[in-house]
Amino acid sequence: MLLEKSFGIVPLRKKNFEKPADEPVLEGQDLKRLAESCGADRKTIGTLVFQKEKQLWEVFLVQKAQGHIGFPKGHPLKGERPEITAERELFEETGLKVENYLSPDPLVENYTFQRDGKKVLKTVGYYLAEVQGKVVLDSSEIVDGFWVPVEEMSVKISFEQGKELAAKALSFLQNI
C-alpha cells in the first residue's frame, strides 16, 4: 500500500507521475486500517511545498494558530484519495496548487500528543511537491507562512519529528 511503503524516501519514479491502474488507492476504511495498523488514533495528509528560486530549493512553512511551525496538512474527507487531501488542504491553507509531485509516495511522520488527558498517536503522510500560485493564507488556521531555503527549514520547524522529516526531504532534494 502507498503509505506502508513510505517510512523513508523512495526512489523518484518520474515527475508528474500517474499511478498504475493496479496500485491500490487508500480511501476511507483502507486509510483508517493503515493508520490503525500503525497504531494511529488520528491520521492526516499534508504537503512539503517546494519551489526553485534562482536554481536553489525553497520550502514553504506555515505557523499554525497554536504557534508551532511546520507543513500544511489536514484530515481526509470520506472517500478522498490521499493526494487529493494533500492538494485540497494545501490550497485551503495557503492558496497554493500542486504543479508537480517530486515523488509518488509520501514521507510518513508518527507522533503522540495529549488530548483531554489521553495519549493520542497521530500518523501524517506528506507528499513532496513543487507548487504554483500566490500565497493566500487561511487566517482561521494559519498565522503566518513563509519561504525559506531548504537548508534552513530544520531550524524553523517546531517539533523534532518535523525536523527529522525535513532532513529526509533535504536528502531527497539533494539527490534529484
N, C-alpha and C. Protein backbone atom coordinates (compact mmCIF):
# COMPACT_ATOMS: atom_id res chain seq x y z
N MET A 1 0.84 -1.19 0.00
CA MET A 1 0.00 0.00 0.00
C MET A 1 0.88 1.24 0.00
N LEU A 2 0.33 2.32 -0.45
CA LEU A 2 1.06 3.57 -0.64
C LEU A 2 1.80 4.02 0.62
N LEU A 3 1.09 4.22 1.71
CA LEU A 3 1.74 4.74 2.90
C LEU A 3 2.62 3.70 3.57
N GLU A 4 2.28 2.42 3.43
CA GLU A 4 3.07 1.38 4.06
C GLU A 4 4.48 1.32 3.48
N LYS A 5 4.64 1.72 2.23
CA LYS A 5 5.95 1.69 1.58
C LYS A 5 6.79 2.91 1.91
N SER A 6 6.25 3.86 2.64
CA SER A 6 6.91 5.15 2.69
C SER A 6 7.43 5.56 4.06
N PHE A 7 8.02 4.64 4.76
CA PHE A 7 8.61 5.01 6.03
C PHE A 7 10.02 5.53 5.83
N GLY A 8 10.35 5.90 4.65
CA GLY A 8 11.59 6.55 4.25
C GLY A 8 11.32 7.15 2.89
N ILE A 9 12.35 7.64 2.26
CA ILE A 9 12.15 8.23 0.94
C ILE A 9 12.35 7.15 -0.11
N VAL A 10 11.46 7.08 -1.04
CA VAL A 10 11.56 6.09 -2.11
C VAL A 10 12.22 6.74 -3.32
N PRO A 11 12.77 5.91 -4.21
CA PRO A 11 13.39 6.48 -5.41
C PRO A 11 12.36 7.25 -6.24
N LEU A 12 12.83 8.29 -6.87
CA LEU A 12 11.98 9.09 -7.75
C LEU A 12 11.59 8.25 -8.95
N ARG A 13 10.29 8.11 -9.21
CA ARG A 13 9.84 7.35 -10.39
C ARG A 13 9.88 8.26 -11.61
N LYS A 14 9.08 9.29 -11.61
CA LYS A 14 9.12 10.29 -12.67
C LYS A 14 8.27 11.46 -12.21
N LYS A 15 8.55 12.62 -12.75
CA LYS A 15 7.76 13.79 -12.39
C LYS A 15 6.37 13.67 -12.99
N ASN A 16 5.41 14.33 -12.33
CA ASN A 16 4.02 14.29 -12.77
C ASN A 16 3.56 12.85 -12.99
N PHE A 17 3.84 12.02 -12.00
CA PHE A 17 3.55 10.59 -12.09
C PHE A 17 2.07 10.29 -12.24
N GLU A 18 1.82 9.16 -12.80
CA GLU A 18 0.48 8.61 -12.80
C GLU A 18 0.58 7.25 -12.14
N LYS A 19 -0.32 6.96 -11.24
CA LYS A 19 -0.28 5.68 -10.56
C LYS A 19 -0.74 4.59 -11.50
N PRO A 20 -0.08 3.43 -11.46
CA PRO A 20 -0.55 2.31 -12.26
C PRO A 20 -1.97 1.93 -11.84
N ALA A 21 -2.76 1.46 -12.80
CA ALA A 21 -4.15 1.12 -12.52
C ALA A 21 -4.28 0.05 -11.45
N ASP A 22 -3.28 -0.84 -11.33
CA ASP A 22 -3.38 -1.93 -10.36
C ASP A 22 -2.88 -1.54 -8.97
N GLU A 23 -2.35 -0.33 -8.81
CA GLU A 23 -1.87 0.11 -7.50
C GLU A 23 -3.06 0.53 -6.65
N PRO A 24 -3.16 -0.02 -5.43
CA PRO A 24 -4.31 0.31 -4.60
C PRO A 24 -4.33 1.78 -4.20
N VAL A 25 -5.52 2.31 -4.10
CA VAL A 25 -5.72 3.69 -3.66
C VAL A 25 -6.23 3.63 -2.23
N LEU A 26 -5.60 4.37 -1.34
CA LEU A 26 -6.04 4.40 0.05
C LEU A 26 -7.21 5.34 0.18
N GLU A 27 -8.32 4.82 0.59
CA GLU A 27 -9.51 5.62 0.79
C GLU A 27 -10.10 5.25 2.14
N GLY A 28 -10.98 6.08 2.60
CA GLY A 28 -11.75 5.85 3.82
C GLY A 28 -11.26 4.74 4.73
N GLN A 29 -11.87 3.57 4.61
CA GLN A 29 -11.57 2.45 5.50
C GLN A 29 -10.15 1.93 5.34
N ASP A 30 -9.61 1.93 4.09
CA ASP A 30 -8.24 1.49 3.89
C ASP A 30 -7.27 2.40 4.62
N LEU A 31 -7.48 3.70 4.51
CA LEU A 31 -6.63 4.66 5.19
C LEU A 31 -6.75 4.48 6.71
N LYS A 32 -7.97 4.28 7.16
CA LYS A 32 -8.21 4.07 8.59
C LYS A 32 -7.51 2.80 9.06
N ARG A 33 -7.63 1.71 8.30
CA ARG A 33 -6.98 0.45 8.69
C ARG A 33 -5.47 0.60 8.72
N LEU A 34 -4.91 1.32 7.73
CA LEU A 34 -3.47 1.52 7.72
C LEU A 34 -3.03 2.28 8.96
N ALA A 35 -3.72 3.35 9.25
CA ALA A 35 -3.36 4.14 10.43
C ALA A 35 -3.50 3.28 11.69
N GLU A 36 -4.55 2.49 11.76
CA GLU A 36 -4.73 1.62 12.93
C GLU A 36 -3.64 0.57 13.01
N SER A 37 -3.19 0.06 11.83
CA SER A 37 -2.13 -0.94 11.83
C SER A 37 -0.82 -0.34 12.33
N CYS A 38 -0.69 0.97 12.16
CA CYS A 38 0.48 1.68 12.70
C CYS A 38 0.23 2.07 14.15
N GLY A 39 -0.97 1.78 14.64
CA GLY A 39 -1.33 2.16 15.99
C GLY A 39 -1.85 3.57 16.09
N ALA A 40 -2.14 4.21 14.96
CA ALA A 40 -2.55 5.61 14.98
C ALA A 40 -4.01 5.76 15.36
N ASP A 41 -4.27 6.78 16.16
CA ASP A 41 -5.63 7.13 16.52
C ASP A 41 -6.18 8.16 15.55
N ARG A 42 -5.29 8.98 15.00
CA ARG A 42 -5.68 10.04 14.06
C ARG A 42 -4.74 10.00 12.88
N LYS A 43 -5.24 10.37 11.72
CA LYS A 43 -4.40 10.39 10.53
C LYS A 43 -4.71 11.63 9.70
N THR A 44 -3.66 12.21 9.15
CA THR A 44 -3.81 13.37 8.30
C THR A 44 -2.85 13.24 7.11
N ILE A 45 -3.07 14.10 6.13
CA ILE A 45 -2.25 14.12 4.93
C ILE A 45 -1.79 15.56 4.71
N GLY A 46 -0.55 15.73 4.27
CA GLY A 46 -0.04 17.07 4.04
C GLY A 46 0.90 17.13 2.86
N THR A 47 1.51 18.29 2.71
CA THR A 47 2.42 18.53 1.59
C THR A 47 3.67 19.26 2.08
N LEU A 48 4.83 18.76 1.67
CA LEU A 48 6.06 19.51 1.81
C LEU A 48 6.18 20.30 0.52
N VAL A 49 6.08 21.61 0.62
CA VAL A 49 5.89 22.51 -0.51
C VAL A 49 7.22 23.14 -0.92
N PHE A 50 7.62 22.89 -2.17
CA PHE A 50 8.90 23.38 -2.65
C PHE A 50 8.75 24.23 -3.91
N GLN A 51 9.73 25.13 -4.07
CA GLN A 51 9.89 25.87 -5.31
C GLN A 51 11.37 26.12 -5.51
N LYS A 52 11.76 26.30 -6.77
CA LYS A 52 13.15 26.64 -7.07
C LYS A 52 13.21 28.12 -7.35
N GLU A 53 14.07 28.79 -6.61
CA GLU A 53 14.28 30.23 -6.78
C GLU A 53 15.76 30.42 -7.11
N LYS A 54 16.03 30.87 -8.33
CA LYS A 54 17.42 31.05 -8.79
C LYS A 54 18.23 29.76 -8.61
N GLN A 55 17.64 28.65 -9.04
CA GLN A 55 18.26 27.32 -9.02
C GLN A 55 18.47 26.75 -7.61
N LEU A 56 17.91 27.38 -6.59
CA LEU A 56 18.01 26.87 -5.21
C LEU A 56 16.62 26.52 -4.70
N TRP A 57 16.52 25.39 -4.02
CA TRP A 57 15.24 24.95 -3.47
C TRP A 57 14.85 25.77 -2.24
N GLU A 58 13.57 26.13 -2.19
CA GLU A 58 12.98 26.76 -1.02
C GLU A 58 11.78 25.92 -0.59
N VAL A 59 11.45 25.98 0.68
CA VAL A 59 10.29 25.26 1.22
C VAL A 59 9.35 26.27 1.85
N PHE A 60 8.05 26.02 1.76
CA PHE A 60 7.06 26.89 2.37
C PHE A 60 6.63 26.29 3.69
N LEU A 61 6.79 27.05 4.75
CA LEU A 61 6.40 26.62 6.09
C LEU A 61 5.22 27.46 6.56
N VAL A 62 4.40 26.85 7.41
CA VAL A 62 3.26 27.57 7.98
C VAL A 62 3.37 27.59 9.49
N GLN A 63 2.90 28.69 10.06
CA GLN A 63 2.78 28.79 11.51
C GLN A 63 1.30 28.65 11.83
N LYS A 64 0.96 27.57 12.52
CA LYS A 64 -0.43 27.30 12.87
C LYS A 64 -0.90 28.25 13.97
N ALA A 65 -2.20 28.34 14.14
CA ALA A 65 -2.78 29.22 15.16
C ALA A 65 -2.27 28.87 16.55
N GLN A 66 -1.93 27.60 16.78
CA GLN A 66 -1.40 27.17 18.08
C GLN A 66 0.03 27.64 18.31
N GLY A 67 0.67 28.20 17.27
CA GLY A 67 2.00 28.77 17.41
C GLY A 67 3.14 27.96 16.80
N HIS A 68 2.94 26.67 16.57
CA HIS A 68 4.04 25.86 16.04
C HIS A 68 4.19 26.03 14.53
N ILE A 69 5.41 25.78 14.06
CA ILE A 69 5.75 25.93 12.65
C ILE A 69 6.00 24.55 12.06
N GLY A 70 5.41 24.32 10.89
CA GLY A 70 5.56 23.04 10.22
C GLY A 70 5.06 23.13 8.79
N PHE A 71 4.43 22.06 8.33
CA PHE A 71 3.98 21.94 6.95
C PHE A 71 2.45 21.92 6.89
N PRO A 72 1.87 22.37 5.78
CA PRO A 72 0.41 22.32 5.63
C PRO A 72 -0.09 20.86 5.66
N LYS A 73 -1.19 20.63 6.36
CA LYS A 73 -1.76 19.28 6.45
C LYS A 73 -3.20 19.36 6.90
N GLY A 74 -3.92 18.26 6.76
CA GLY A 74 -5.30 18.23 7.20
C GLY A 74 -5.88 16.84 7.10
N HIS A 75 -7.13 16.71 7.49
CA HIS A 75 -7.81 15.43 7.54
C HIS A 75 -8.48 15.11 6.21
N PRO A 76 -8.44 13.82 5.80
CA PRO A 76 -9.12 13.43 4.57
C PRO A 76 -10.63 13.45 4.75
N LEU A 77 -11.31 13.80 3.68
CA LEU A 77 -12.76 13.68 3.65
C LEU A 77 -13.10 12.23 3.32
N LYS A 78 -14.29 11.80 3.66
CA LYS A 78 -14.70 10.43 3.40
C LYS A 78 -14.54 10.09 1.92
N GLY A 79 -13.82 9.00 1.65
CA GLY A 79 -13.62 8.54 0.28
C GLY A 79 -12.58 9.30 -0.51
N GLU A 80 -11.89 10.25 0.10
CA GLU A 80 -10.93 11.09 -0.61
C GLU A 80 -9.57 10.40 -0.68
N ARG A 81 -8.97 10.37 -1.88
CA ARG A 81 -7.63 9.81 -2.04
C ARG A 81 -6.63 10.72 -1.33
N PRO A 82 -5.54 10.15 -0.80
CA PRO A 82 -4.55 10.96 -0.08
C PRO A 82 -4.00 12.14 -0.86
N GLU A 83 -3.72 11.95 -2.17
CA GLU A 83 -3.17 13.05 -2.96
C GLU A 83 -4.17 14.20 -3.06
N ILE A 84 -5.45 13.86 -3.15
CA ILE A 84 -6.48 14.88 -3.24
C ILE A 84 -6.59 15.63 -1.92
N THR A 85 -6.48 14.90 -0.81
CA THR A 85 -6.48 15.55 0.50
C THR A 85 -5.32 16.53 0.60
N ALA A 86 -4.14 16.09 0.19
CA ALA A 86 -2.95 16.95 0.25
C ALA A 86 -3.16 18.21 -0.57
N GLU A 87 -3.68 18.06 -1.79
CA GLU A 87 -3.89 19.22 -2.66
C GLU A 87 -4.96 20.15 -2.10
N ARG A 88 -6.05 19.57 -1.60
CA ARG A 88 -7.14 20.39 -1.06
C ARG A 88 -6.68 21.16 0.16
N GLU A 89 -6.03 20.47 1.10
CA GLU A 89 -5.56 21.14 2.32
C GLU A 89 -4.52 22.21 2.01
N LEU A 90 -3.63 21.92 1.07
CA LEU A 90 -2.63 22.92 0.68
C LEU A 90 -3.32 24.17 0.16
N PHE A 91 -4.28 23.98 -0.74
CA PHE A 91 -4.97 25.14 -1.31
C PHE A 91 -5.78 25.87 -0.24
N GLU A 92 -6.50 25.14 0.60
CA GLU A 92 -7.31 25.78 1.64
C GLU A 92 -6.46 26.61 2.60
N GLU A 93 -5.32 26.07 2.99
CA GLU A 93 -4.48 26.75 3.98
C GLU A 93 -3.59 27.83 3.39
N THR A 94 -3.14 27.66 2.11
CA THR A 94 -2.13 28.58 1.57
C THR A 94 -2.49 29.24 0.25
N GLY A 95 -3.49 28.74 -0.44
CA GLY A 95 -3.81 29.26 -1.77
C GLY A 95 -2.91 28.71 -2.86
N LEU A 96 -1.94 27.86 -2.52
CA LEU A 96 -1.02 27.29 -3.49
C LEU A 96 -1.58 26.01 -4.09
N LYS A 97 -1.16 25.70 -5.33
CA LYS A 97 -1.61 24.49 -6.02
C LYS A 97 -0.40 23.64 -6.40
N VAL A 98 -0.57 22.32 -6.29
CA VAL A 98 0.48 21.40 -6.70
C VAL A 98 0.66 21.49 -8.21
N GLU A 99 1.90 21.72 -8.61
CA GLU A 99 2.25 21.77 -10.03
C GLU A 99 2.91 20.46 -10.45
N ASN A 100 3.69 19.87 -9.54
CA ASN A 100 4.50 18.71 -9.89
C ASN A 100 4.83 17.94 -8.62
N TYR A 101 4.47 16.66 -8.57
CA TYR A 101 4.89 15.82 -7.45
C TYR A 101 6.34 15.40 -7.68
N LEU A 102 7.14 15.47 -6.66
CA LEU A 102 8.55 15.09 -6.76
C LEU A 102 8.74 13.61 -6.51
N SER A 103 7.79 12.98 -5.85
CA SER A 103 7.81 11.55 -5.60
C SER A 103 6.36 11.09 -5.49
N PRO A 104 6.06 9.90 -5.98
CA PRO A 104 4.68 9.42 -5.90
C PRO A 104 4.28 8.96 -4.50
N ASP A 105 5.24 8.70 -3.65
CA ASP A 105 4.94 8.20 -2.31
C ASP A 105 5.26 9.25 -1.25
N PRO A 106 4.42 9.35 -0.25
CA PRO A 106 4.65 10.34 0.81
C PRO A 106 5.68 9.87 1.83
N LEU A 107 6.24 10.83 2.53
CA LEU A 107 7.02 10.55 3.73
C LEU A 107 6.01 10.41 4.87
N VAL A 108 6.31 9.57 5.84
CA VAL A 108 5.37 9.35 6.94
C VAL A 108 5.98 9.80 8.25
N GLU A 109 5.16 10.50 9.01
CA GLU A 109 5.56 11.00 10.33
C GLU A 109 4.56 10.43 11.35
N ASN A 110 5.09 9.89 12.44
CA ASN A 110 4.25 9.42 13.54
C ASN A 110 4.66 10.17 14.80
N TYR A 111 3.67 10.61 15.57
CA TYR A 111 3.97 11.27 16.83
C TYR A 111 2.79 11.14 17.78
N THR A 112 3.04 11.45 19.03
CA THR A 112 1.97 11.40 20.03
C THR A 112 1.78 12.78 20.63
N PHE A 113 0.56 13.00 21.13
CA PHE A 113 0.26 14.23 21.85
C PHE A 113 -0.86 13.92 22.84
N GLN A 114 -1.10 14.84 23.75
CA GLN A 114 -2.13 14.68 24.77
C GLN A 114 -3.38 15.45 24.36
N ARG A 115 -4.54 14.80 24.47
CA ARG A 115 -5.82 15.47 24.23
C ARG A 115 -6.79 14.95 25.28
N ASP A 116 -7.35 15.88 26.03
CA ASP A 116 -8.31 15.53 27.08
C ASP A 116 -7.74 14.48 28.03
N GLY A 117 -6.45 14.62 28.36
CA GLY A 117 -5.80 13.73 29.30
C GLY A 117 -5.44 12.37 28.74
N LYS A 118 -5.65 12.15 27.45
CA LYS A 118 -5.33 10.86 26.82
C LYS A 118 -4.22 11.03 25.81
N LYS A 119 -3.37 10.01 25.73
CA LYS A 119 -2.30 9.99 24.75
C LYS A 119 -2.89 9.60 23.39
N VAL A 120 -2.59 10.39 22.35
CA VAL A 120 -3.10 10.16 21.01
C VAL A 120 -1.91 9.95 20.07
N LEU A 121 -1.95 8.86 19.30
CA LEU A 121 -0.93 8.61 18.29
C LEU A 121 -1.44 9.12 16.96
N LYS A 122 -0.64 9.94 16.28
CA LYS A 122 -1.04 10.53 15.01
C LYS A 122 -0.07 10.10 13.91
N THR A 123 -0.61 9.78 12.75
CA THR A 123 0.17 9.45 11.55
C THR A 123 -0.14 10.48 10.49
N VAL A 124 0.92 11.04 9.88
CA VAL A 124 0.76 12.02 8.81
C VAL A 124 1.58 11.57 7.62
N GLY A 125 0.94 11.51 6.45
CA GLY A 125 1.64 11.24 5.20
C GLY A 125 1.84 12.55 4.47
N TYR A 126 3.08 12.89 4.14
CA TYR A 126 3.39 14.15 3.44
C TYR A 126 3.90 13.88 2.03
N TYR A 127 3.27 14.50 1.05
CA TYR A 127 3.73 14.44 -0.33
C TYR A 127 4.72 15.57 -0.58
N LEU A 128 5.76 15.29 -1.35
CA LEU A 128 6.73 16.30 -1.75
C LEU A 128 6.29 16.85 -3.10
N ALA A 129 6.13 18.17 -3.19
CA ALA A 129 5.60 18.74 -4.43
C ALA A 129 6.13 20.14 -4.69
N GLU A 130 6.29 20.44 -5.98
CA GLU A 130 6.52 21.82 -6.42
C GLU A 130 5.15 22.44 -6.59
N VAL A 131 5.06 23.73 -6.32
CA VAL A 131 3.76 24.39 -6.36
C VAL A 131 3.79 25.64 -7.23
N GLN A 132 2.58 26.15 -7.48
CA GLN A 132 2.42 27.41 -8.20
C GLN A 132 1.32 28.19 -7.51
N GLY A 133 1.26 29.46 -7.84
CA GLY A 133 0.18 30.30 -7.31
C GLY A 133 0.69 31.34 -6.33
N LYS A 134 -0.24 32.15 -5.90
CA LYS A 134 0.03 33.22 -4.95
C LYS A 134 -0.40 32.76 -3.57
N VAL A 135 0.43 33.04 -2.58
CA VAL A 135 0.10 32.65 -1.20
C VAL A 135 -1.05 33.51 -0.69
N VAL A 136 -2.11 32.82 -0.27
CA VAL A 136 -3.26 33.45 0.39
C VAL A 136 -3.57 32.56 1.59
N LEU A 137 -3.20 33.03 2.78
CA LEU A 137 -3.32 32.21 3.98
C LEU A 137 -4.74 32.19 4.54
N ASP A 138 -5.15 31.03 5.04
CA ASP A 138 -6.42 30.88 5.74
C ASP A 138 -6.18 31.35 7.18
N SER A 139 -6.59 32.56 7.49
CA SER A 139 -6.30 33.16 8.79
C SER A 139 -6.98 32.44 9.96
N SER A 140 -7.96 31.58 9.68
CA SER A 140 -8.60 30.84 10.76
C SER A 140 -7.72 29.68 11.24
N GLU A 141 -6.77 29.24 10.41
CA GLU A 141 -5.87 28.13 10.76
C GLU A 141 -4.40 28.53 10.79
N ILE A 142 -4.02 29.46 9.92
CA ILE A 142 -2.61 29.79 9.70
C ILE A 142 -2.34 31.23 10.12
N VAL A 143 -1.37 31.41 11.01
CA VAL A 143 -0.99 32.74 11.48
C VAL A 143 -0.01 33.40 10.51
N ASP A 144 0.90 32.57 9.96
CA ASP A 144 1.93 33.09 9.08
C ASP A 144 2.38 31.98 8.14
N GLY A 145 2.96 32.35 7.03
CA GLY A 145 3.54 31.41 6.09
C GLY A 145 4.70 32.10 5.41
N PHE A 146 5.76 31.34 5.14
CA PHE A 146 6.95 31.96 4.57
C PHE A 146 7.82 30.94 3.86
N TRP A 147 8.54 31.42 2.84
CA TRP A 147 9.50 30.61 2.10
C TRP A 147 10.86 30.73 2.77
N VAL A 148 11.55 29.61 2.92
CA VAL A 148 12.92 29.61 3.45
C VAL A 148 13.76 28.66 2.61
N PRO A 149 15.06 28.91 2.51
CA PRO A 149 15.93 27.94 1.83
C PRO A 149 15.81 26.58 2.54
N VAL A 150 15.81 25.49 1.76
CA VAL A 150 15.60 24.17 2.36
C VAL A 150 16.64 23.84 3.43
N GLU A 151 17.83 24.38 3.29
CA GLU A 151 18.88 24.11 4.28
C GLU A 151 18.53 24.71 5.65
N GLU A 152 17.60 25.66 5.69
CA GLU A 152 17.23 26.32 6.94
C GLU A 152 15.93 25.82 7.54
N MET A 153 15.23 24.91 6.86
CA MET A 153 13.91 24.53 7.34
C MET A 153 13.95 23.83 8.70
N SER A 154 14.96 23.03 8.97
CA SER A 154 15.02 22.33 10.26
C SER A 154 15.13 23.30 11.43
N VAL A 155 15.78 24.42 11.20
CA VAL A 155 15.94 25.42 12.27
C VAL A 155 14.60 26.07 12.60
N LYS A 156 13.75 26.24 11.59
CA LYS A 156 12.47 26.94 11.77
C LYS A 156 11.36 26.04 12.31
N ILE A 157 11.41 24.75 12.00
CA ILE A 157 10.33 23.82 12.36
C ILE A 157 10.33 23.60 13.88
N SER A 158 9.13 23.56 14.45
CA SER A 158 8.97 23.49 15.90
C SER A 158 9.27 22.13 16.53
N PHE A 159 8.78 21.06 15.93
CA PHE A 159 8.85 19.75 16.59
C PHE A 159 9.93 18.86 16.00
N GLU A 160 10.48 17.99 16.84
CA GLU A 160 11.58 17.11 16.45
C GLU A 160 11.19 16.20 15.28
N GLN A 161 9.97 15.66 15.28
CA GLN A 161 9.55 14.79 14.19
C GLN A 161 9.54 15.56 12.86
N GLY A 162 9.13 16.81 12.89
CA GLY A 162 9.15 17.65 11.70
C GLY A 162 10.56 17.92 11.23
N LYS A 163 11.48 18.08 12.17
CA LYS A 163 12.89 18.30 11.82
C LYS A 163 13.47 17.05 11.15
N GLU A 164 13.09 15.87 11.65
CA GLU A 164 13.54 14.62 11.04
C GLU A 164 12.98 14.48 9.62
N LEU A 165 11.73 14.82 9.45
CA LEU A 165 11.10 14.79 8.14
C LEU A 165 11.82 15.77 7.19
N ALA A 166 12.16 16.94 7.69
CA ALA A 166 12.87 17.94 6.89
C ALA A 166 14.22 17.41 6.44
N ALA A 167 14.92 16.70 7.31
CA ALA A 167 16.23 16.14 6.96
C ALA A 167 16.08 15.11 5.83
N LYS A 168 15.03 14.27 5.89
CA LYS A 168 14.79 13.30 4.82
C LYS A 168 14.47 14.01 3.51
N ALA A 169 13.66 15.05 3.59
CA ALA A 169 13.29 15.80 2.39
C ALA A 169 14.52 16.49 1.79
N LEU A 170 15.36 17.06 2.62
CA LEU A 170 16.57 17.73 2.13
C LEU A 170 17.47 16.71 1.43
N SER A 171 17.64 15.55 2.01
CA SER A 171 18.44 14.50 1.39
C SER A 171 17.86 14.10 0.03
N PHE A 172 16.56 13.98 -0.03
CA PHE A 172 15.89 13.65 -1.28
C PHE A 172 16.15 14.72 -2.34
N LEU A 173 15.97 15.98 -1.98
CA LEU A 173 16.15 17.07 -2.94
C LEU A 173 17.58 17.15 -3.45
N GLN A 174 18.53 16.83 -2.60
CA GLN A 174 19.93 16.88 -3.00
C GLN A 174 20.29 15.78 -4.00
N ASN A 175 19.41 14.78 -4.11
CA ASN A 175 19.68 13.65 -4.99
C ASN A 175 18.81 13.62 -6.25
N ILE A 176 18.06 14.70 -6.50
CA ILE A 176 17.29 14.71 -7.75
C ILE A 176 17.89 15.69 -8.74
